[in-house]
């Protein structure tokens, strides 16, 4: 098991990319978030939804430790209206 884990980690390090970002430079994070938003419902609002997602993550992220507590992020559905609301 340990050997398989080491092989997987090595392969992930080979194929991974580094994305440079900061609180003042969220463009790369927003672009990454937009690539995941491809449903027909969200497609029209892809850019604004990506910005909301990035801002939510950055608001709870500890950038020094490179850690995010996703338990602190909550999404609420609202009846009626549009995604723009």
PDB file of N, CA and C in Angstrom:
ATOM      1  N   UNK A   1       0.820  -1.197   0.000  1.00  0.00           N
ATOM      2  CA  UNK A   1       0.000   0.000   0.000  1.00  0.00           C
ATOM      3  C   UNK A   1       0.860   1.255   0.000  1.00  0.00           C
ATOM      4  N   UNK A   2       1.858   1.288   0.852  1.00  0.00           N
ATOM      5  CA  UNK A   2       2.747   2.451   0.936  1.00  0.00           C
ATOM      6  C   UNK A   2       3.486   2.674  -0.379  1.00  0.00           C
ATOM      7  N   UNK A   3       3.938   1.591  -0.997  1.00  0.00           N
ATOM      8  CA  UNK A   3       4.659   1.707  -2.262  1.00  0.00           C
ATOM      9  C   UNK A   3       3.739   2.246  -3.355  1.00  0.00           C
ATOM     10  N   UNK A   4       2.486   1.765  -3.383  1.00  0.00           N
ATOM     11  CA  UNK A   4       1.511   2.254  -4.363  1.00  0.00           C
ATOM     12  C   UNK A   4       1.238   3.731  -4.149  1.00  0.00           C
ATOM     13  N   UNK A   5       1.147   4.139  -2.902  1.00  0.00           N
ATOM     14  CA  UNK A   5       0.930   5.549  -2.577  1.00  0.00           C
ATOM     15  C   UNK A   5       2.098   6.400  -3.058  1.00  0.00           C
ATOM     16  N   UNK A   6       3.313   5.934  -2.827  1.00  0.00           N
ATOM     17  CA  UNK A   6       4.505   6.665  -3.275  1.00  0.00           C
ATOM     18  C   UNK A   6       4.537   6.807  -4.792  1.00  0.00           C
ATOM     19  N   UNK A   7       4.160   5.740  -5.503  1.00  0.00           N
ATOM     20  CA  UNK A   7       4.130   5.786  -6.970  1.00  0.00           C
ATOM     21  C   UNK A   7       3.089   6.796  -7.445  1.00  0.00           C
ATOM     22  N   UNK A   8       1.927   6.807  -6.803  1.00  0.00           N
ATOM     23  CA  UNK A   8       0.870   7.752  -7.180  1.00  0.00           C
ATOM     24  C   UNK A   8       1.294   9.198  -6.933  1.00  0.00           C
ATOM     25  N   UNK A   9       1.900   9.433  -5.803  1.00  0.00           N
ATOM     26  CA  UNK A   9       2.351  10.794  -5.483  1.00  0.00           C
ATOM     27  C   UNK A   9       3.405  11.254  -6.481  1.00  0.00           C
ATOM     28  N   UNK A  10       4.324  10.376  -6.836  1.00  0.00           N
ATOM     29  CA  UNK A  10       5.355  10.726  -7.807  1.00  0.00           C
ATOM     30  C   UNK A  10       4.729  11.078  -9.155  1.00  0.00           C
ATOM     31  N   UNK A  11       3.754  10.294  -9.587  1.00  0.00           N
ATOM     32  CA  UNK A  11       3.094  10.549 -10.874  1.00  0.00           C
ATOM     33  C   UNK A  11       2.319  11.872 -10.827  1.00  0.00           C
ATOM     34  N   UNK A  12       1.622  12.125  -9.738  1.00  0.00           N
ATOM     35  CA  UNK A  12       0.887  13.387  -9.603  1.00  0.00           C
ATOM     36  C   UNK A  12       1.823  14.585  -9.640  1.00  0.00           C
ATOM     37  N   UNK A  13       2.984  14.466  -9.022  1.00  0.00           N
ATOM     38  CA  UNK A  13       3.962  15.556  -9.052  1.00  0.00           C
ATOM     39  C   UNK A  13       4.483  15.785 -10.473  1.00  0.00           C
ATOM     40  N   UNK A  14       4.586  14.715 -11.259  1.00  0.00           N
ATOM     41  CA  UNK A  14       5.055  14.841 -12.642  1.00  0.00           C
ATOM     42  C   UNK A  14       4.049  15.570 -13.523  1.00  0.00           C
ATOM     43  N   UNK A  15       2.760  15.317 -13.317  1.00  0.00           N
ATOM     44  CA  UNK A  15       1.746  15.857 -14.225  1.00  0.00           C
ATOM     45  C   UNK A  15       1.071  17.125 -13.700  1.00  0.00           C
ATOM     46  N   UNK A  16       1.387  17.521 -12.474  1.00  0.00           N
ATOM     47  CA  UNK A  16       0.712  18.684 -11.893  1.00  0.00           C
ATOM     48  C   UNK A  16       1.298  19.998 -12.409  1.00  0.00           C
ATOM     49  N   UNK A  17       0.485  21.041 -12.334  1.00  0.00           N
ATOM     50  CA  UNK A  17       0.895  22.394 -12.683  1.00  0.00           C
ATOM     51  C   UNK A  17       0.874  23.250 -11.423  1.00  0.00           C
ATOM     52  N   UNK A  18       1.695  24.273 -11.409  1.00  0.00           N
ATOM     53  CA  UNK A  18       1.681  25.234 -10.316  1.00  0.00           C
ATOM     54  C   UNK A  18       0.899  26.455 -10.777  1.00  0.00           C
ATOM     55  N   UNK A  19      -0.049  26.871  -9.960  1.00  0.00           N
ATOM     56  CA  UNK A  19      -0.863  28.041 -10.271  1.00  0.00           C
ATOM     57  C   UNK A  19      -0.493  29.126  -9.263  1.00  0.00           C
ATOM     58  N   UNK A  20       0.128  30.183  -9.761  1.00  0.00           N
ATOM     59  CA  UNK A  20       0.509  31.302  -8.895  1.00  0.00           C
ATOM     60  C   UNK A  20      -0.701  32.220  -8.728  1.00  0.00           C
ATOM     61  N   UNK A  21      -1.022  32.538  -7.480  1.00  0.00           N
ATOM     62  CA  UNK A  21      -2.150  33.417  -7.208  1.00  0.00           C
ATOM     63  C   UNK A  21      -1.923  34.112  -5.878  1.00  0.00           C
ATOM     64  N   UNK A  22      -2.760  35.071  -5.614  1.00  0.00           N
ATOM     65  CA  UNK A  22      -2.737  35.791  -4.346  1.00  0.00           C
ATOM     66  C   UNK A  22      -4.073  36.463  -4.156  1.00  0.00           C
ATOM     67  N   UNK A  23      -4.263  37.061  -3.010  1.00  0.00           N
ATOM     68  CA  UNK A  23      -5.543  37.738  -2.761  1.00  0.00           C
ATOM     69  C   UNK A  23      -5.778  38.869  -3.750  1.00  0.00           C
ATOM     70  N   UNK A  24      -4.693  39.446  -4.289  1.00  0.00           N
ATOM     71  CA  UNK A  24      -4.821  40.515  -5.279  1.00  0.00           C
ATOM     72  C   UNK A  24      -4.787  39.989  -6.702  1.00  0.00           C
ATOM     73  N   UNK A  25      -4.504  38.716  -6.885  1.00  0.00           N
ATOM     74  CA  UNK A  25      -4.399  38.114  -8.220  1.00  0.00           C
ATOM     75  C   UNK A  25      -5.217  36.829  -8.244  1.00  0.00           C
ATOM     76  N   UNK A  26      -6.555  36.966  -8.363  1.00  0.00           N
ATOM     77  CA  UNK A  26      -7.413  35.792  -8.338  1.00  0.00           C
ATOM     78  C   UNK A  26      -7.749  35.280  -9.734  1.00  0.00           C
ATOM     79  N   UNK A  27      -7.212  35.926 -10.750  1.00  0.00           N
ATOM     80  CA  UNK A  27      -7.498  35.531 -12.131  1.00  0.00           C
ATOM     81  C   UNK A  27      -7.264  34.055 -12.411  1.00  0.00           C
ATOM     82  N   UNK A  28      -6.104  33.503 -12.055  1.00  0.00           N
ATOM     83  CA  UNK A  28      -5.863  32.081 -12.317  1.00  0.00           C
ATOM     84  C   UNK A  28      -6.845  31.161 -11.580  1.00  0.00           C
ATOM     85  N   UNK A  29      -7.206  31.520 -10.359  1.00  0.00           N
ATOM     86  CA  UNK A  29      -8.172  30.712  -9.619  1.00  0.00           C
ATOM     87  C   UNK A  29      -9.553  30.794 -10.256  1.00  0.00           C
ATOM     88  N   UNK A  30      -9.922  31.990 -10.690  1.00  0.00           N
ATOM     89  CA  UNK A  30     -11.226  32.184 -11.325  1.00  0.00           C
ATOM     90  C   UNK A  30     -11.299  31.399 -12.633  1.00  0.00           C
ATOM     91  N   UNK A  31     -10.216  31.404 -13.398  1.00  0.00           N
ATOM     92  CA  UNK A  31     -10.173  30.653 -14.658  1.00  0.00           C
ATOM     93  C   UNK A  31     -10.312  29.150 -14.395  1.00  0.00           C
ATOM     94  N   UNK A  32      -9.642  28.670 -13.351  1.00  0.00           N
ATOM     95  CA  UNK A  32      -9.736  27.263 -12.992  1.00  0.00           C
ATOM     96  C   UNK A  32     -11.162  26.913 -12.563  1.00  0.00           C
ATOM     97  N   UNK A  33     -11.775  27.769 -11.762  1.00  0.00           N
ATOM     98  CA  UNK A  33     -13.149  27.526 -11.323  1.00  0.00           C
ATOM     99  C   UNK A  33     -14.110  27.523 -12.508  1.00  0.00           C
ATOM    100  N   UNK A  34     -13.889  28.399 -13.466  1.00  0.00           N
ATOM    101  CA  UNK A  34     -14.777  28.478 -14.623  1.00  0.00           C
ATOM    102  C   UNK A  34     -14.723  27.201 -15.461  1.00  0.00           C
ATOM    103  N   UNK A  35     -13.593  26.523 -15.496  1.00  0.00           N
ATOM    104  CA  UNK A  35     -13.513  25.287 -16.281  1.00  0.00           C
ATOM    105  C   UNK A  35     -14.365  24.183 -15.671  1.00  0.00           C
ATOM    106  N   UNK A  36     -14.680  24.272 -14.384  1.00  0.00           N
ATOM    107  CA  UNK A  36     -15.509  23.250 -13.746  1.00  0.00           C
ATOM    108  C   UNK A  36     -16.995  23.550 -13.849  1.00  0.00           C
ATOM    109  N   UNK A  37     -17.352  24.741 -14.246  1.00  0.00           N
ATOM    110  CA  UNK A  37     -18.758  25.142 -14.319  1.00  0.00           C
ATOM    111  C   UNK A  37     -19.266  25.013 -15.752  1.00  0.00           C
ATOM    112  N   UNK A  38     -19.648  23.817 -16.135  1.00  0.00           N
ATOM    113  CA  UNK A  38     -20.030  23.622 -17.535  1.00  0.00           C
ATOM    114  C   UNK A  38     -21.470  23.161 -17.710  1.00  0.00           C
ATOM    115  N   UNK A  39     -22.279  23.145 -16.653  1.00  0.00           N
ATOM    116  CA  UNK A  39     -23.666  22.708 -16.819  1.00  0.00           C
ATOM    117  C   UNK A  39     -24.450  23.770 -17.586  1.00  0.00           C
ATOM    118  N   UNK A  40     -25.518  23.346 -18.211  1.00  0.00           N
ATOM    119  CA  UNK A  40     -26.337  24.275 -18.998  1.00  0.00           C
ATOM    120  C   UNK A  40     -26.956  25.361 -18.122  1.00  0.00           C
ATOM    121  N   UNK A  41     -27.260  25.018 -16.882  1.00  0.00           N
ATOM    122  CA  UNK A  41     -27.907  25.975 -15.989  1.00  0.00           C
ATOM    123  C   UNK A  41     -26.936  27.085 -15.591  1.00  0.00           C
ATOM    124  N   UNK A  42     -25.716  26.723 -15.277  1.00  0.00           N
ATOM    125  CA  UNK A  42     -24.744  27.677 -14.756  1.00  0.00           C
ATOM    126  C   UNK A  42     -23.955  28.352 -15.866  1.00  0.00           C
ATOM    127  N   UNK A  43     -23.920  27.781 -17.046  1.00  0.00           N
ATOM    128  CA  UNK A  43     -23.056  28.280 -18.120  1.00  0.00           C
ATOM    129  C   UNK A  43     -23.225  29.774 -18.374  1.00  0.00           C
ATOM    130  N   UNK A  44     -24.443  30.264 -18.327  1.00  0.00           N
ATOM    131  CA  UNK A  44     -24.700  31.686 -18.580  1.00  0.00           C
ATOM    132  C   UNK A  44     -24.086  32.576 -17.500  1.00  0.00           C
ATOM    133  N   UNK A  45     -23.962  32.046 -16.292  1.00  0.00           N
ATOM    134  CA  UNK A  45     -23.469  32.807 -15.150  1.00  0.00           C
ATOM    135  C   UNK A  45     -22.100  32.308 -14.693  1.00  0.00           C
ATOM    136  N   UNK A  46     -21.390  31.641 -15.583  1.00  0.00           N
ATOM    137  CA  UNK A  46     -20.132  30.985 -15.236  1.00  0.00           C
ATOM    138  C   UNK A  46     -19.128  31.925 -14.572  1.00  0.00           C
ATOM    139  N   UNK A  47     -18.946  33.096 -15.132  1.00  0.00           N
ATOM    140  CA  UNK A  47     -17.936  34.021 -14.606  1.00  0.00           C
ATOM    141  C   UNK A  47     -18.293  34.513 -13.207  1.00  0.00           C
ATOM    142  N   UNK A  48     -19.549  34.909 -12.999  1.00  0.00           N
ATOM    143  CA  UNK A  48     -19.937  35.414 -11.679  1.00  0.00           C
ATOM    144  C   UNK A  48     -19.952  34.292 -10.639  1.00  0.00           C
ATOM    145  N   UNK A  49     -20.351  33.077 -11.036  1.00  0.00           N
ATOM    146  CA  UNK A  49     -20.339  31.951 -10.097  1.00  0.00           C
ATOM    147  C   UNK A  49     -18.906  31.572  -9.724  1.00  0.00           C
ATOM    148  N   UNK A  50     -18.000  31.639 -10.684  1.00  0.00           N
ATOM    149  CA  UNK A  50     -16.590  31.336 -10.406  1.00  0.00           C
ATOM    150  C   UNK A  50     -16.015  32.354  -9.429  1.00  0.00           C
ATOM    151  N   UNK A  51     -16.360  33.611  -9.611  1.00  0.00           N
ATOM    152  CA  UNK A  51     -15.870  34.654  -8.710  1.00  0.00           C
ATOM    153  C   UNK A  51     -16.413  34.456  -7.294  1.00  0.00           C
ATOM    154  N   UNK A  52     -17.684  34.090  -7.189  1.00  0.00           N
ATOM    155  CA  UNK A  52     -18.277  33.816  -5.876  1.00  0.00           C
ATOM    156  C   UNK A  52     -17.546  32.650  -5.205  1.00  0.00           C
ATOM    157  N   UNK A  53     -17.287  31.598  -5.966  1.00  0.00           N
ATOM    158  CA  UNK A  53     -16.611  30.424  -5.409  1.00  0.00           C
ATOM    159  C   UNK A  53     -15.198  30.764  -4.944  1.00  0.00           C
ATOM    160  N   UNK A  54     -14.451  31.478  -5.765  1.00  0.00           N
ATOM    161  CA  UNK A  54     -13.072  31.845  -5.407  1.00  0.00           C
ATOM    162  C   UNK A  54     -13.057  32.741  -4.178  1.00  0.00           C
ATOM    163  N   UNK A  55     -13.950  33.721  -4.126  1.00  0.00           N
ATOM    164  CA  UNK A  55     -14.001  34.614  -2.964  1.00  0.00           C
ATOM    165  C   UNK A  55     -14.389  33.863  -1.694  1.00  0.00           C
ATOM    166  N   UNK A  56     -15.280  32.879  -1.824  1.00  0.00           N
ATOM    167  CA  UNK A  56     -15.673  32.078  -0.656  1.00  0.00           C
ATOM    168  C   UNK A  56     -14.486  31.287  -0.126  1.00  0.00           C
ATOM    169  N   UNK A  57     -13.743  30.658  -1.024  1.00  0.00           N
ATOM    170  CA  UNK A  57     -12.588  29.865  -0.604  1.00  0.00           C
ATOM    171  C   UNK A  57     -11.514  30.759   0.002  1.00  0.00           C
ATOM    172  N   UNK A  58     -11.220  31.865  -0.647  1.00  0.00           N
ATOM    173  CA  UNK A  58     -10.177  32.762  -0.122  1.00  0.00           C
ATOM    174  C   UNK A  58     -10.557  33.375   1.219  1.00  0.00           C
ATOM    175  N   UNK A  59     -11.853  33.532   1.476  1.00  0.00           N
ATOM    176  CA  UNK A  59     -12.268  34.137   2.747  1.00  0.00           C
ATOM    177  C   UNK A  59     -11.998  33.222   3.935  1.00  0.00           C
ATOM    178  N   UNK A  60     -11.891  31.917   3.704  1.00  0.00           N
ATOM    179  CA  UNK A  60     -11.624  30.985   4.810  1.00  0.00           C
ATOM    180  C   UNK A  60     -10.265  30.294   4.681  1.00  0.00           C
ATOM    181  N   UNK A  61      -9.506  30.640   3.655  1.00  0.00           N
ATOM    182  CA  UNK A  61      -8.218  29.982   3.411  1.00  0.00           C
ATOM    183  C   UNK A  61      -7.126  30.545   4.305  1.00  0.00           C
ATOM    184  N   UNK A  62      -6.260  29.665   4.740  1.00  0.00           N
ATOM    185  CA  UNK A  62      -5.039  30.056   5.443  1.00  0.00           C
ATOM    186  C   UNK A  62      -3.913  29.885   4.426  1.00  0.00           C
ATOM    187  N   UNK A  63      -3.578  30.956   3.722  1.00  0.00           N
ATOM    188  CA  UNK A  63      -2.614  30.865   2.630  1.00  0.00           C
ATOM    189  C   UNK A  63      -1.211  30.540   3.113  1.00  0.00           C
ATOM    190  N   UNK A  64      -0.877  30.927   4.336  1.00  0.00           N
ATOM    191  CA  UNK A  64       0.450  30.608   4.866  1.00  0.00           C
ATOM    192  C   UNK A  64       0.621  29.107   5.068  1.00  0.00           C
ATOM    193  N   UNK A  65      -0.426  28.449   5.555  1.00  0.00           N
ATOM    194  CA  UNK A  65      -0.369  27.003   5.777  1.00  0.00           C
ATOM    195  C   UNK A  65      -0.822  26.207   4.559  1.00  0.00           C
ATOM    196  N   UNK A  66      -1.309  26.919   3.527  1.00  0.00           N
ATOM    197  CA  UNK A  66      -1.864  26.272   2.333  1.00  0.00           C
ATOM    198  C   UNK A  66      -2.978  25.311   2.728  1.00  0.00           C
ATOM    199  N   UNK A  67      -3.932  25.844   3.494  1.00  0.00           N
ATOM    200  CA  UNK A  67      -5.014  25.030   4.037  1.00  0.00           C
ATOM    201  C   UNK A  67      -6.341  25.762   3.885  1.00  0.00           C
ATOM    202  N   UNK A  68      -7.386  25.010   3.571  1.00  0.00           N
ATOM    203  CA  UNK A  68      -8.734  25.562   3.471  1.00  0.00           C
ATOM    204  C   UNK A  68      -9.678  24.644   4.248  1.00  0.00           C
ATOM    205  N   UNK A  69     -10.422  25.217   5.168  1.00  0.00           N
ATOM    206  CA  UNK A  69     -11.434  24.457   5.899  1.00  0.00           C
ATOM    207  C   UNK A  69     -12.753  24.608   5.149  1.00  0.00           C
ATOM    208  N   UNK A  70     -13.059  23.638   4.302  1.00  0.00           N
ATOM    209  CA  UNK A  70     -14.255  23.715   3.467  1.00  0.00           C
ATOM    210  C   UNK A  70     -15.540  23.605   4.284  1.00  0.00           C
ATOM    211  N   UNK A  71     -15.443  23.168   5.529  1.00  0.00           N
ATOM    212  CA  UNK A  71     -16.618  23.099   6.406  1.00  0.00           C
ATOM    213  C   UNK A  71     -17.155  24.500   6.703  1.00  0.00           C
ATOM    214  N   UNK A  72     -16.330  25.516   6.520  1.00  0.00           N
ATOM    215  CA  UNK A  72     -16.744  26.890   6.798  1.00  0.00           C
ATOM    216  C   UNK A  72     -17.486  27.533   5.630  1.00  0.00           C
ATOM    217  N   UNK A  73     -17.573  26.826   4.505  1.00  0.00           N
ATOM    218  CA  UNK A  73     -18.261  27.361   3.321  1.00  0.00           C
ATOM    219  C   UNK A  73     -19.603  26.659   3.183  1.00  0.00           C
ATOM    220  N   UNK A  74     -20.655  27.438   3.044  1.00  0.00           N
ATOM    221  CA  UNK A  74     -21.994  26.879   2.930  1.00  0.00           C
ATOM    222  C   UNK A  74     -22.699  27.506   1.734  1.00  0.00           C
ATOM    223  N   UNK A  75     -23.423  26.687   0.995  1.00  0.00           N
ATOM    224  CA  UNK A  75     -24.198  27.186  -0.132  1.00  0.00           C
ATOM    225  C   UNK A  75     -25.665  27.065   0.216  1.00  0.00           C
ATOM    226  N   UNK A  76     -26.412  28.138   0.004  1.00  0.00           N
ATOM    227  CA  UNK A  76     -27.822  28.145   0.311  1.00  0.00           C
ATOM    228  C   UNK A  76     -28.639  28.332  -0.957  1.00  0.00           C
ATOM    229  N   UNK A  77     -29.636  27.510  -1.113  1.00  0.00           N
ATOM    230  CA  UNK A  77     -30.555  27.667  -2.231  1.00  0.00           C
ATOM    231  C   UNK A  77     -31.688  28.598  -1.843  1.00  0.00           C
ATOM    232  N   UNK A  78     -32.116  29.400  -2.781  1.00  0.00           N
ATOM    233  CA  UNK A  78     -33.220  30.325  -2.545  1.00  0.00           C
ATOM    234  C   UNK A  78     -34.311  30.025  -3.558  1.00  0.00           C
ATOM    235  N   UNK A  79     -35.557  30.025  -3.098  1.00  0.00           N
ATOM    236  CA  UNK A  79     -36.689  29.760  -3.965  1.00  0.00           C
ATOM    237  C   UNK A  79     -37.004  30.993  -4.786  1.00  0.00           C
ATOM    238  N   UNK A  80     -37.242  30.794  -6.094  1.00  0.00           N
ATOM    239  CA  UNK A  80     -37.611  31.896  -6.968  1.00  0.00           C
ATOM    240  C   UNK A  80     -36.419  32.709  -7.406  1.00  0.00           C
ATOM    241  N   UNK A  81     -36.661  33.667  -8.241  1.00  0.00           N
ATOM    242  CA  UNK A  81     -35.600  34.545  -8.712  1.00  0.00           C
ATOM    243  C   UNK A  81     -34.681  33.867  -9.716  1.00  0.00           C
ATOM    244  N   UNK A  82     -33.564  34.503  -9.982  1.00  0.00           N
ATOM    245  CA  UNK A  82     -32.571  33.990 -10.926  1.00  0.00           C
ATOM    246  C   UNK A  82     -31.232  33.899 -10.230  1.00  0.00           C
ATOM    247  N   UNK A  83     -30.263  33.318 -10.898  1.00  0.00           N
ATOM    248  CA  UNK A  83     -28.923  33.233 -10.335  1.00  0.00           C
ATOM    249  C   UNK A  83     -28.312  34.617 -10.157  1.00  0.00           C
ATOM    250  N   UNK A  84     -28.733  35.586 -10.930  1.00  0.00           N
ATOM    251  CA  UNK A  84     -28.208  36.936 -10.794  1.00  0.00           C
ATOM    252  C   UNK A  84     -28.615  37.577  -9.472  1.00  0.00           C
ATOM    253  N   UNK A  85     -29.752  37.138  -8.944  1.00  0.00           N
ATOM    254  CA  UNK A  85     -30.238  37.682  -7.670  1.00  0.00           C
ATOM    255  C   UNK A  85     -29.349  37.209  -6.548  1.00  0.00           C
TER     256      UNK A  85
END
